[in-house]
Amino acid sequence: AHLTKLPTTLAADALAQQLLSARAVPKSAAADAEHIAIATVHGVDYLV
């Protein structure tokens, strides 16, 4: 609850869709594409 949240952006949406379209992440785990995309466009260093 106390952690900083990363906001949603159009760029993250676009990257998530690209990850799904390229089948880098299966559609059954679309939320994982969102995790990767949000962390990536915000320049986060690591996703654990």
ModelCIF file with pLDDT and N, C-alpha, C, O atoms, coordinates in Angstrom:
data_MODEL
#
_entry.id   MODEL 
#
_entity.id                         1 
_entity.type                       polymer 
_entity.pdbx_number_of_molecules   1 
#
_entity_poly.entity_id                      1 
_entity_poly.type                           'polypeptide(L)' 
_entity_poly.nstd_linkage                   no 
_entity_poly.nstd_monomer                   no 
_entity_poly.pdbx_seq_one_letter_code       AHLTKLPTTLAADALAQQLLSARAVPKSAAADAEHIAIATVHGVDYLV 
_entity_poly.pdbx_seq_one_letter_code_can   AHLTKLPTTLAADALAQQLLSARAVPKSAAADAEHIAIATVHGVDYLV 
_entity_poly.pdbx_strand_id                 A 
#
loop_
_entity_poly_seq.entity_id 
_entity_poly_seq.num 
_entity_poly_seq.mon_id 
_entity_poly_seq.hetero 
1 1  ALA n 
1 2  HIS n 
1 3  LEU n 
1 4  THR n 
1 5  LYS n 
1 6  LEU n 
1 7  PRO n 
1 8  THR n 
1 9  THR n 
1 10 LEU n 
1 11 ALA n 
1 12 ALA n 
1 13 ASP n 
1 14 ALA n 
1 15 LEU n 
1 16 ALA n 
1 17 GLN n 
1 18 GLN n 
1 19 LEU n 
1 20 LEU n 
1 21 SER n 
1 22 ALA n 
1 23 ARG n 
1 24 ALA n 
1 25 VAL n 
1 26 PRO n 
1 27 LYS n 
1 28 SER n 
1 29 ALA n 
1 30 ALA n 
1 31 ALA n 
1 32 ASP n 
1 33 ALA n 
1 34 GLU n 
1 35 HIS n 
1 36 ILE n 
1 37 ALA n 
1 38 ILE n 
1 39 ALA n 
1 40 THR n 
1 41 VAL n 
1 42 HIS n 
1 43 GLY n 
1 44 VAL n 
1 45 ASP n 
1 46 TYR n 
1 47 LEU n 
1 48 VAL n 
#
_struct_asym.id          A 
_struct_asym.entity_id   1 
#
loop_
_ma_qa_metric.id 
_ma_qa_metric.mode 
_ma_qa_metric.name 
_ma_qa_metric.software_group_id 
_ma_qa_metric.type 
1 global pLDDT . pLDDT 
2 local  pLDDT . pLDDT 
#
_ma_qa_metric_global.metric_id      1 
_ma_qa_metric_global.metric_value   94.10 
_ma_qa_metric_global.model_id       1 
_ma_qa_metric_global.ordinal_id     1 
#
loop_
_ma_qa_metric_local.label_asym_id 
_ma_qa_metric_local.label_comp_id 
_ma_qa_metric_local.label_seq_id 
_ma_qa_metric_local.metric_id 
_ma_qa_metric_local.metric_value 
_ma_qa_metric_local.model_id 
_ma_qa_metric_local.ordinal_id 
A ALA 1  2 95.00 1 1  
A HIS 2  2 94.00 1 2  
A LEU 3  2 95.00 1 3  
A THR 4  2 94.00 1 4  
A LYS 5  2 95.00 1 5  
A LEU 6  2 95.00 1 6  
A PRO 7  2 91.00 1 7  
A THR 8  2 87.00 1 8  
A THR 9  2 91.00 1 9  
A LEU 10 2 92.00 1 10 
A ALA 11 2 94.00 1 11 
A ALA 12 2 94.00 1 12 
A ASP 13 2 93.00 1 13 
A ALA 14 2 95.00 1 14 
A LEU 15 2 96.00 1 15 
A ALA 16 2 96.00 1 16 
A GLN 17 2 95.00 1 17 
A GLN 18 2 96.00 1 18 
A LEU 19 2 96.00 1 19 
A LEU 20 2 95.00 1 20 
A SER 21 2 95.00 1 21 
A ALA 22 2 95.00 1 22 
A ARG 23 2 94.00 1 23 
A ALA 24 2 94.00 1 24 
A VAL 25 2 93.00 1 25 
A PRO 26 2 90.00 1 26 
A LYS 27 2 89.00 1 27 
A SER 28 2 88.00 1 28 
A ALA 29 2 89.00 1 29 
A ALA 30 2 91.00 1 30 
A ALA 31 2 93.00 1 31 
A ASP 32 2 94.00 1 32 
A ALA 33 2 95.00 1 33 
A GLU 34 2 95.00 1 34 
A HIS 35 2 96.00 1 35 
A ILE 36 2 97.00 1 36 
A ALA 37 2 96.00 1 37 
A ILE 38 2 96.00 1 38 
A ALA 39 2 97.00 1 39 
A THR 40 2 97.00 1 40 
A VAL 41 2 95.00 1 41 
A HIS 42 2 95.00 1 42 
A GLY 43 2 95.00 1 43 
A VAL 44 2 96.00 1 44 
A ASP 45 2 95.00 1 45 
A TYR 46 2 96.00 1 46 
A LEU 47 2 96.00 1 47 
A VAL 48 2 96.00 1 48 
#
loop_
_atom_site.group_PDB 
_atom_site.id 
_atom_site.type_symbol 
_atom_site.label_atom_id 
_atom_site.label_alt_id 
_atom_site.label_comp_id 
_atom_site.label_asym_id 
_atom_site.label_entity_id 
_atom_site.label_seq_id 
_atom_site.pdbx_PDB_ins_code 
_atom_site.Cartn_x 
_atom_site.Cartn_y 
_atom_site.Cartn_z 
_atom_site.occupancy 
_atom_site.B_iso_or_equiv 
_atom_site.pdbx_formal_charge 
_atom_site.auth_seq_id 
_atom_site.auth_comp_id 
_atom_site.auth_asym_id 
_atom_site.auth_atom_id 
_atom_site.pdbx_PDB_model_num 
ATOM 1   N N  . ALA A 1 1  ? 0.815  -1.222  0.000   1.00 95.00 ? 1  ALA A N  1 
ATOM 2   C CA . ALA A 1 1  ? 0.000  0.000   0.000   1.00 95.00 ? 1  ALA A CA 1 
ATOM 3   C C  . ALA A 1 1  ? 0.845  1.267   0.000   1.00 95.00 ? 1  ALA A C  1 
ATOM 4   O O  . ALA A 1 1  ? 0.445  2.276   -0.581  1.00 95.00 ? 1  ALA A O  1 
ATOM 5   N N  . HIS A 1 2  ? 2.005  1.228   0.642   1.00 94.00 ? 2  HIS A N  1 
ATOM 6   C CA . HIS A 1 2  ? 2.834  2.436   0.765   1.00 94.00 ? 2  HIS A CA 1 
ATOM 7   C C  . HIS A 1 2  ? 3.755  2.660   -0.425  1.00 94.00 ? 2  HIS A C  1 
ATOM 8   O O  . HIS A 1 2  ? 4.405  3.702   -0.508  1.00 94.00 ? 2  HIS A O  1 
ATOM 9   N N  . LEU A 1 3  ? 3.823  1.709   -1.341  1.00 95.00 ? 3  LEU A N  1 
ATOM 10  C CA . LEU A 1 3  ? 4.771  1.825   -2.452  1.00 95.00 ? 3  LEU A CA 1 
ATOM 11  C C  . LEU A 1 3  ? 4.279  2.799   -3.517  1.00 95.00 ? 3  LEU A C  1 
ATOM 12  O O  . LEU A 1 3  ? 3.076  2.991   -3.692  1.00 95.00 ? 3  LEU A O  1 
ATOM 13  N N  . THR A 1 4  ? 5.223  3.409   -4.222  1.00 94.00 ? 4  THR A N  1 
ATOM 14  C CA . THR A 1 4  ? 4.895  4.283   -5.342  1.00 94.00 ? 4  THR A CA 1 
ATOM 15  C C  . THR A 1 4  ? 4.332  3.456   -6.491  1.00 94.00 ? 4  THR A C  1 
ATOM 16  O O  . THR A 1 4  ? 4.847  2.384   -6.808  1.00 94.00 ? 4  THR A O  1 
ATOM 17  N N  . LYS A 1 5  ? 3.267  3.968   -7.115  1.00 95.00 ? 5  LYS A N  1 
ATOM 18  C CA . LYS A 1 5  ? 2.647  3.282   -8.248  1.00 95.00 ? 5  LYS A CA 1 
ATOM 19  C C  . LYS A 1 5  ? 3.070  3.958   -9.555  1.00 95.00 ? 5  LYS A C  1 
ATOM 20  O O  . LYS A 1 5  ? 3.213  5.179   -9.608  1.00 95.00 ? 5  LYS A O  1 
ATOM 21  N N  . LEU A 1 6  ? 3.266  3.170   -10.591 1.00 95.00 ? 6  LEU A N  1 
ATOM 22  C CA . LEU A 1 6  ? 3.589  3.710   -11.908 1.00 95.00 ? 6  LEU A CA 1 
ATOM 23  C C  . LEU A 1 6  ? 2.297  3.883   -12.693 1.00 95.00 ? 6  LEU A C  1 
ATOM 24  O O  . LEU A 1 6  ? 1.529  2.929   -12.825 1.00 95.00 ? 6  LEU A O  1 
ATOM 25  N N  . PRO A 1 7  ? 2.037  5.086   -13.222 1.00 91.00 ? 7  PRO A N  1 
ATOM 26  C CA . PRO A 1 7  ? 0.791  5.327   -13.955 1.00 91.00 ? 7  PRO A CA 1 
ATOM 27  C C  . PRO A 1 7  ? 0.777  4.666   -15.325 1.00 91.00 ? 7  PRO A C  1 
ATOM 28  O O  . PRO A 1 7  ? 1.823  4.377   -15.907 1.00 91.00 ? 7  PRO A O  1 
ATOM 29  N N  . THR A 1 8  ? -0.411 4.440   -15.817 1.00 87.00 ? 8  THR A N  1 
ATOM 30  C CA . THR A 1 8  ? -0.608 3.881   -17.147 1.00 87.00 ? 8  THR A CA 1 
ATOM 31  C C  . THR A 1 8  ? -0.346 4.967   -18.189 1.00 87.00 ? 8  THR A C  1 
ATOM 32  O O  . THR A 1 8  ? -0.660 6.135   -17.964 1.00 87.00 ? 8  THR A O  1 
ATOM 33  N N  . THR A 1 9  ? 0.225  4.582   -19.324 1.00 91.00 ? 9  THR A N  1 
ATOM 34  C CA . THR A 1 9  ? 0.472  5.536   -20.403 1.00 91.00 ? 9  THR A CA 1 
ATOM 35  C C  . THR A 1 9  ? 0.127  4.897   -21.747 1.00 91.00 ? 9  THR A C  1 
ATOM 36  O O  . THR A 1 9  ? 0.054  3.674   -21.870 1.00 91.00 ? 9  THR A O  1 
ATOM 37  N N  . LEU A 1 10 ? -0.080 5.737   -22.740 1.00 92.00 ? 10 LEU A N  1 
ATOM 38  C CA . LEU A 1 10 ? -0.339 5.239   -24.092 1.00 92.00 ? 10 LEU A CA 1 
ATOM 39  C C  . LEU A 1 10 ? 0.835  4.420   -24.609 1.00 92.00 ? 10 LEU A C  1 
ATOM 40  O O  . LEU A 1 10 ? 0.652  3.412   -25.292 1.00 92.00 ? 10 LEU A O  1 
ATOM 41  N N  . ALA A 1 11 ? 2.045  4.868   -24.273 1.00 94.00 ? 11 ALA A N  1 
ATOM 42  C CA . ALA A 1 11 ? 3.240  4.161   -24.743 1.00 94.00 ? 11 ALA A CA 1 
ATOM 43  C C  . ALA A 1 11 ? 3.298  2.748   -24.170 1.00 94.00 ? 11 ALA A C  1 
ATOM 44  O O  . ALA A 1 11 ? 3.667  1.808   -24.875 1.00 94.00 ? 11 ALA A O  1 
ATOM 45  N N  . ALA A 1 12 ? 2.935  2.592   -22.898 1.00 94.00 ? 12 ALA A N  1 
ATOM 46  C CA . ALA A 1 12 ? 2.935  1.265   -22.290 1.00 94.00 ? 12 ALA A CA 1 
ATOM 47  C C  . ALA A 1 12 ? 1.889  0.370   -22.945 1.00 94.00 ? 12 ALA A C  1 
ATOM 48  O O  . ALA A 1 12 ? 2.126  -0.817  -23.170 1.00 94.00 ? 12 ALA A O  1 
ATOM 49  N N  . ASP A 1 13 ? 0.727  0.954   -23.250 1.00 93.00 ? 13 ASP A N  1 
ATOM 50  C CA . ASP A 1 13 ? -0.310 0.180   -23.942 1.00 93.00 ? 13 ASP A CA 1 
ATOM 51  C C  . ASP A 1 13 ? 0.191  -0.335  -25.288 1.00 93.00 ? 13 ASP A C  1 
ATOM 52  O O  . ASP A 1 13 ? 0.001  -1.499  -25.640 1.00 93.00 ? 13 ASP A O  1 
ATOM 53  N N  . ALA A 1 14 ? 0.836  0.566   -26.031 1.00 95.00 ? 14 ALA A N  1 
ATOM 54  C CA . ALA A 1 14 ? 1.323  0.206   -27.366 1.00 95.00 ? 14 ALA A CA 1 
ATOM 55  C C  . ALA A 1 14 ? 2.365  -0.907  -27.280 1.00 95.00 ? 14 ALA A C  1 
ATOM 56  O O  . ALA A 1 14 ? 2.337  -1.852  -28.068 1.00 95.00 ? 14 ALA A O  1 
ATOM 57  N N  . LEU A 1 15 ? 3.291  -0.791  -26.311 1.00 96.00 ? 15 LEU A N  1 
ATOM 58  C CA . LEU A 1 15 ? 4.333  -1.807  -26.179 1.00 96.00 ? 15 LEU A CA 1 
ATOM 59  C C  . LEU A 1 15 ? 3.740  -3.141  -25.731 1.00 96.00 ? 15 LEU A C  1 
ATOM 60  O O  . LEU A 1 15 ? 4.169  -4.194  -26.203 1.00 96.00 ? 15 LEU A O  1 
ATOM 61  N N  . ALA A 1 16 ? 2.775  -3.112  -24.840 1.00 96.00 ? 16 ALA A N  1 
ATOM 62  C CA . ALA A 1 16 ? 2.132  -4.360  -24.397 1.00 96.00 ? 16 ALA A CA 1 
ATOM 63  C C  . ALA A 1 16 ? 1.478  -5.072  -25.574 1.00 96.00 ? 16 ALA A C  1 
ATOM 64  O O  . ALA A 1 16 ? 1.576  -6.292  -25.702 1.00 96.00 ? 16 ALA A O  1 
ATOM 65  N N  . GLN A 1 17 ? 0.820  -4.314  -26.421 1.00 95.00 ? 17 GLN A N  1 
ATOM 66  C CA . GLN A 1 17 ? 0.181  -4.914  -27.587 1.00 95.00 ? 17 GLN A CA 1 
ATOM 67  C C  . GLN A 1 17 ? 1.213  -5.500  -28.548 1.00 95.00 ? 17 GLN A C  1 
ATOM 68  O O  . GLN A 1 17 ? 0.974  -6.538  -29.165 1.00 95.00 ? 17 GLN A O  1 
ATOM 69  N N  . GLN A 1 18 ? 2.359  -4.831  -28.672 1.00 96.00 ? 18 GLN A N  1 
ATOM 70  C CA . GLN A 1 18 ? 3.423  -5.360  -29.534 1.00 96.00 ? 18 GLN A CA 1 
ATOM 71  C C  . GLN A 1 18 ? 3.980  -6.666  -28.976 1.00 96.00 ? 18 GLN A C  1 
ATOM 72  O O  . GLN A 1 18 ? 4.263  -7.595  -29.732 1.00 96.00 ? 18 GLN A O  1 
ATOM 73  N N  . LEU A 1 19 ? 4.136  -6.739  -27.656 1.00 96.00 ? 19 LEU A N  1 
ATOM 74  C CA . LEU A 1 19 ? 4.628  -7.970  -27.038 1.00 96.00 ? 19 LEU A CA 1 
ATOM 75  C C  . LEU A 1 19 ? 3.665  -9.131  -27.269 1.00 96.00 ? 19 LEU A C  1 
ATOM 76  O O  . LEU A 1 19 ? 4.089  -10.264 -27.499 1.00 96.00 ? 19 LEU A O  1 
ATOM 77  N N  . LEU A 1 20 ? 2.373  -8.840  -27.207 1.00 95.00 ? 20 LEU A N  1 
ATOM 78  C CA . LEU A 1 20 ? 1.367  -9.874  -27.437 1.00 95.00 ? 20 LEU A CA 1 
ATOM 79  C C  . LEU A 1 20 ? 1.299  -10.264 -28.915 1.00 95.00 ? 20 LEU A C  1 
ATOM 80  O O  . LEU A 1 20 ? 1.188  -11.445 -29.243 1.00 95.00 ? 20 LEU A O  1 
ATOM 81  N N  . SER A 1 21 ? 1.364  -9.280  -29.796 1.00 95.00 ? 21 SER A N  1 
ATOM 82  C CA . SER A 1 21 ? 1.291  -9.555  -31.234 1.00 95.00 ? 21 SER A CA 1 
ATOM 83  C C  . SER A 1 21 ? 2.479  -10.390 -31.704 1.00 95.00 ? 21 SER A C  1 
ATOM 84  O O  . SER A 1 21 ? 2.345  -11.251 -32.574 1.00 95.00 ? 21 SER A O  1 
ATOM 85  N N  . ALA A 1 22 ? 3.646  -10.121 -31.111 1.00 95.00 ? 22 ALA A N  1 
ATOM 86  C CA . ALA A 1 22 ? 4.854  -10.866 -31.481 1.00 95.00 ? 22 ALA A CA 1 
ATOM 87  C C  . ALA A 1 22 ? 4.938  -12.215 -30.773 1.00 95.00 ? 22 ALA A C  1 
ATOM 88  O O  . ALA A 1 22 ? 5.867  -12.987 -31.010 1.00 95.00 ? 22 ALA A O  1 
ATOM 89  N N  . ARG A 1 23 ? 3.968  -12.496 -29.902 1.00 94.00 ? 23 ARG A N  1 
ATOM 90  C CA . ARG A 1 23 ? 3.925  -13.729 -29.116 1.00 94.00 ? 23 ARG A CA 1 
ATOM 91  C C  . ARG A 1 23 ? 5.126  -13.867 -28.189 1.00 94.00 ? 23 ARG A C  1 
ATOM 92  O O  . ARG A 1 23 ? 5.511  -14.975 -27.816 1.00 94.00 ? 23 ARG A O  1 
ATOM 93  N N  . ALA A 1 24 ? 5.715  -12.724 -27.820 1.00 94.00 ? 24 ALA A N  1 
ATOM 94  C CA . ALA A 1 24 ? 6.768  -12.747 -26.807 1.00 94.00 ? 24 ALA A CA 1 
ATOM 95  C C  . ALA A 1 24 ? 6.161  -13.079 -25.456 1.00 94.00 ? 24 ALA A C  1 
ATOM 96  O O  . ALA A 1 24 ? 6.829  -13.619 -24.575 1.00 94.00 ? 24 ALA A O  1 
ATOM 97  N N  . VAL A 1 25 ? 4.875  -12.748 -25.303 1.00 93.00 ? 25 VAL A N  1 
ATOM 98  C CA . VAL A 1 25 ? 4.090  -13.106 -24.122 1.00 93.00 ? 25 VAL A CA 1 
ATOM 99  C C  . VAL A 1 25 ? 2.776  -13.698 -24.630 1.00 93.00 ? 25 VAL A C  1 
ATOM 100 O O  . VAL A 1 25 ? 2.139  -13.102 -25.499 1.00 93.00 ? 25 VAL A O  1 
ATOM 101 N N  . PRO A 1 26 ? 2.354  -14.847 -24.117 1.00 90.00 ? 26 PRO A N  1 
ATOM 102 C CA . PRO A 1 26 ? 1.104  -15.448 -24.597 1.00 90.00 ? 26 PRO A CA 1 
ATOM 103 C C  . PRO A 1 26 ? -0.110 -14.611 -24.206 1.00 90.00 ? 26 PRO A C  1 
ATOM 104 O O  . PRO A 1 26 ? -0.107 -13.945 -23.171 1.00 90.00 ? 26 PRO A O  1 
ATOM 105 N N  . LYS A 1 27 ? -1.138 -14.650 -25.033 1.00 89.00 ? 27 LYS A N  1 
ATOM 106 C CA . LYS A 1 27 ? -2.343 -13.865 -24.763 1.00 89.00 ? 27 LYS A CA 1 
ATOM 107 C C  . LYS A 1 27 ? -3.024 -14.285 -23.473 1.00 89.00 ? 27 LYS A C  1 
ATOM 108 O O  . LYS A 1 27 ? -3.721 -13.478 -22.858 1.00 89.00 ? 27 LYS A O  1 
ATOM 109 N N  . SER A 1 28 ? -2.837 -15.533 -23.050 1.00 88.00 ? 28 SER A N  1 
ATOM 110 C CA . SER A 1 28 ? -3.428 -15.996 -21.794 1.00 88.00 ? 28 SER A CA 1 
ATOM 111 C C  . SER A 1 28 ? -2.782 -15.348 -20.578 1.00 88.00 ? 28 SER A C  1 
ATOM 112 O O  . SER A 1 28 ? -3.303 -15.440 -19.466 1.00 88.00 ? 28 SER A O  1 
ATOM 113 N N  . ALA A 1 29 ? -1.643 -14.690 -20.794 1.00 89.00 ? 29 ALA A N  1 
ATOM 114 C CA . ALA A 1 29 ? -0.939 -13.988 -19.711 1.00 89.00 ? 29 ALA A CA 1 
ATOM 115 C C  . ALA A 1 29 ? -0.720 -12.534 -20.109 1.00 89.00 ? 29 ALA A C  1 
ATOM 116 O O  . ALA A 1 29 ? 0.366  -11.986 -19.921 1.00 89.00 ? 29 ALA A O  1 
ATOM 117 N N  . ALA A 1 30 ? -1.763 -11.913 -20.660 1.00 91.00 ? 30 ALA A N  1 
ATOM 118 C CA . ALA A 1 30 ? -1.653 -10.536 -21.141 1.00 91.00 ? 30 ALA A CA 1 
ATOM 119 C C  . ALA A 1 30 ? -1.203 -9.573  -20.048 1.00 91.00 ? 30 ALA A C  1 
ATOM 120 O O  . ALA A 1 30 ? -0.530 -8.581  -20.328 1.00 91.00 ? 30 ALA A O  1 
ATOM 121 N N  . ALA A 1 31 ? -1.576 -9.867  -18.800 1.00 93.00 ? 31 ALA A N  1 
ATOM 122 C CA . ALA A 1 31 ? -1.156 -8.991  -17.702 1.00 93.00 ? 31 ALA A CA 1 
ATOM 123 C C  . ALA A 1 31 ? 0.363  -8.932  -17.591 1.00 93.00 ? 31 ALA A C  1 
ATOM 124 O O  . ALA A 1 31 ? 0.915  -7.911  -17.183 1.00 93.00 ? 31 ALA A O  1 
ATOM 125 N N  . ASP A 1 32 ? 1.047  -10.024 -17.953 1.00 94.00 ? 32 ASP A N  1 
ATOM 126 C CA . ASP A 1 32 ? 2.509  -10.009 -17.907 1.00 94.00 ? 32 ASP A CA 1 
ATOM 127 C C  . ASP A 1 32 ? 3.076  -9.050  -18.948 1.00 94.00 ? 32 ASP A C  1 
ATOM 128 O O  . ASP A 1 32 ? 4.089  -8.394  -18.706 1.00 94.00 ? 32 ASP A O  1 
ATOM 129 N N  . ALA A 1 33 ? 2.425  -8.968  -20.103 1.00 95.00 ? 33 ALA A N  1 
ATOM 130 C CA . ALA A 1 33 ? 2.859  -7.997  -21.113 1.00 95.00 ? 33 ALA A CA 1 
ATOM 131 C C  . ALA A 1 33 ? 2.709  -6.580  -20.573 1.00 95.00 ? 33 ALA A C  1 
ATOM 132 O O  . ALA A 1 33 ? 3.538  -5.713  -20.849 1.00 95.00 ? 33 ALA A O  1 
ATOM 133 N N  . GLU A 1 34 ? 1.648  -6.349  -19.802 1.00 95.00 ? 34 GLU A N  1 
ATOM 134 C CA . GLU A 1 34 ? 1.444  -5.029  -19.200 1.00 95.00 ? 34 GLU A CA 1 
ATOM 135 C C  . GLU A 1 34 ? 2.534  -4.723  -18.176 1.00 95.00 ? 34 GLU A C  1 
ATOM 136 O O  . GLU A 1 34 ? 3.039  -3.601  -18.129 1.00 95.00 ? 34 GLU A O  1 
ATOM 137 N N  . HIS A 1 35 ? 2.901  -5.708  -17.356 1.00 96.00 ? 35 HIS A N  1 
ATOM 138 C CA . HIS A 1 35 ? 3.974  -5.493  -16.376 1.00 96.00 ? 35 HIS A CA 1 
ATOM 139 C C  . HIS A 1 35 ? 5.269  -5.086  -17.084 1.00 96.00 ? 35 HIS A C  1 
ATOM 140 O O  . HIS A 1 35 ? 5.916  -4.109  -16.707 1.00 96.00 ? 35 HIS A O  1 
ATOM 141 N N  . ILE A 1 36 ? 5.629  -5.842  -18.100 1.00 97.00 ? 36 ILE A N  1 
ATOM 142 C CA . ILE A 1 36 ? 6.876  -5.565  -18.829 1.00 97.00 ? 36 ILE A CA 1 
ATOM 143 C C  . ILE A 1 36 ? 6.827  -4.181  -19.464 1.00 97.00 ? 36 ILE A C  1 
ATOM 144 O O  . ILE A 1 36 ? 7.783  -3.411  -19.369 1.00 97.00 ? 36 ILE A O  1 
ATOM 145 N N  . ALA A 1 37 ? 5.711  -3.872  -20.110 1.00 96.00 ? 37 ALA A N  1 
ATOM 146 C CA . ALA A 1 37 ? 5.592  -2.612  -20.830 1.00 96.00 ? 37 ALA A CA 1 
ATOM 147 C C  . ALA A 1 37 ? 5.636  -1.411  -19.885 1.00 96.00 ? 37 ALA A C  1 
ATOM 148 O O  . ALA A 1 37 ? 6.326  -0.429  -20.161 1.00 96.00 ? 37 ALA A O  1 
ATOM 149 N N  . ILE A 1 38 ? 4.909  -1.484  -18.786 1.00 96.00 ? 38 ILE A N  1 
ATOM 150 C CA . ILE A 1 38 ? 4.897  -0.369  -17.837 1.00 96.00 ? 38 ILE A CA 1 
ATOM 151 C C  . ILE A 1 38 ? 6.290  -0.143  -17.260 1.00 96.00 ? 38 ILE A C  1 
ATOM 152 O O  . ILE A 1 38 ? 6.767  0.990   -17.198 1.00 96.00 ? 38 ILE A O  1 
ATOM 153 N N  . ALA A 1 39 ? 6.937  -1.221  -16.840 1.00 97.00 ? 39 ALA A N  1 
ATOM 154 C CA . ALA A 1 39 ? 8.280  -1.091  -16.281 1.00 97.00 ? 39 ALA A CA 1 
ATOM 155 C C  . ALA A 1 39 ? 9.259  -0.542  -17.320 1.00 97.00 ? 39 ALA A C  1 
ATOM 156 O O  . ALA A 1 39 ? 10.124 0.273   -17.000 1.00 97.00 ? 39 ALA A O  1 
ATOM 157 N N  . THR A 1 40 ? 9.115  -0.992  -18.552 1.00 97.00 ? 40 THR A N  1 
ATOM 158 C CA . THR A 1 40 ? 10.041 -0.582  -19.612 1.00 97.00 ? 40 THR A CA 1 
ATOM 159 C C  . THR A 1 40 ? 9.896  0.895   -19.972 1.00 97.00 ? 40 THR A C  1 
ATOM 160 O O  . THR A 1 40 ? 10.890 1.619   -20.003 1.00 97.00 ? 40 THR A O  1 
ATOM 161 N N  . VAL A 1 41 ? 8.681  1.348   -20.243 1.00 95.00 ? 41 VAL A N  1 
ATOM 162 C CA . VAL A 1 41 ? 8.515  2.738   -20.694 1.00 95.00 ? 41 VAL A CA 1 
ATOM 163 C C  . VAL A 1 41 ? 8.828  3.727   -19.582 1.00 95.00 ? 41 VAL A C  1 
ATOM 164 O O  . VAL A 1 41 ? 9.174  4.874   -19.861 1.00 95.00 ? 41 VAL A O  1 
ATOM 165 N N  . HIS A 1 42 ? 8.712  3.307   -18.327 1.00 95.00 ? 42 HIS A N  1 
ATOM 166 C CA . HIS A 1 42 ? 9.053  4.187   -17.207 1.00 95.00 ? 42 HIS A CA 1 
ATOM 167 C C  . HIS A 1 42 ? 10.535 4.107   -16.849 1.00 95.00 ? 42 HIS A C  1 
ATOM 168 O O  . HIS A 1 42 ? 10.982 4.757   -15.905 1.00 95.00 ? 42 HIS A O  1 
ATOM 169 N N  . GLY A 1 43 ? 11.285 3.324   -17.590 1.00 95.00 ? 43 GLY A N  1 
ATOM 170 C CA . GLY A 1 43 ? 12.717 3.244   -17.352 1.00 95.00 ? 43 GLY A CA 1 
ATOM 171 C C  . GLY A 1 43 ? 13.103 2.567   -16.054 1.00 95.00 ? 43 GLY A C  1 
ATOM 172 O O  . GLY A 1 43 ? 14.153 2.864   -15.484 1.00 95.00 ? 43 GLY A O  1 
ATOM 173 N N  . VAL A 1 44 ? 12.257 1.650   -15.577 1.00 96.00 ? 44 VAL A N  1 
ATOM 174 C CA . VAL A 1 44 ? 12.570 0.906   -14.361 1.00 96.00 ? 44 VAL A CA 1 
ATOM 175 C C  . VAL A 1 44 ? 13.776 0.001   -14.632 1.00 96.00 ? 44 VAL A C  1 
ATOM 176 O O  . VAL A 1 44 ? 13.938 -0.510  -15.740 1.00 96.00 ? 44 VAL A O  1 
ATOM 177 N N  . ASP A 1 45 ? 14.599 -0.187  -13.639 1.00 95.00 ? 45 ASP A N  1 
ATOM 178 C CA . ASP A 1 45 ? 15.832 -0.950  -13.829 1.00 95.00 ? 45 ASP A CA 1 
ATOM 179 C C  . ASP A 1 45 ? 15.602 -2.465  -13.842 1.00 95.00 ? 45 ASP A C  1 
ATOM 180 O O  . ASP A 1 45 ? 16.159 -3.175  -14.679 1.00 95.00 ? 45 ASP A O  1 
ATOM 181 N N  . TYR A 1 46 ? 14.775 -2.954  -12.906 1.00 96.00 ? 46 TYR A N  1 
ATOM 182 C CA . TYR A 1 46 ? 14.591 -4.399  -12.775 1.00 96.00 ? 46 TYR A CA 1 
ATOM 183 C C  . TYR A 1 46 ? 13.131 -4.742  -12.547 1.00 96.00 ? 46 TYR A C  1 
ATOM 184 O O  . TYR A 1 46 ? 12.389 -3.998  -11.906 1.00 96.00 ? 46 TYR A O  1 
ATOM 185 N N  . LEU A 1 47 ? 12.740 -5.876  -13.082 1.00 96.00 ? 47 LEU A N  1 
ATOM 186 C CA . LEU A 1 47 ? 11.426 -6.462  -12.807 1.00 96.00 ? 47 LEU A CA 1 
ATOM 187 C C  . LEU A 1 47 ? 11.713 -7.810  -12.176 1.00 96.00 ? 47 LEU A C  1 
ATOM 188 O O  . LEU A 1 47 ? 12.294 -8.683  -12.821 1.00 96.00 ? 47 LEU A O  1 
ATOM 189 N N  . VAL A 1 48 ? 11.309 -7.998  -10.908 1.00 96.00 ? 48 VAL A N  1 
ATOM 190 C CA . VAL A 1 48 ? 11.591 -9.265  -10.242 1.00 96.00 ? 48 VAL A CA 1 
ATOM 191 C C  . VAL A 1 48 ? 10.337 -10.128 -10.208 1.00 96.00 ? 48 VAL A C  1 
ATOM 192 O O  . VAL A 1 48 ? 10.368 -11.243 -9.685  1.00 96.00 ? 48 VAL A O  1 
#
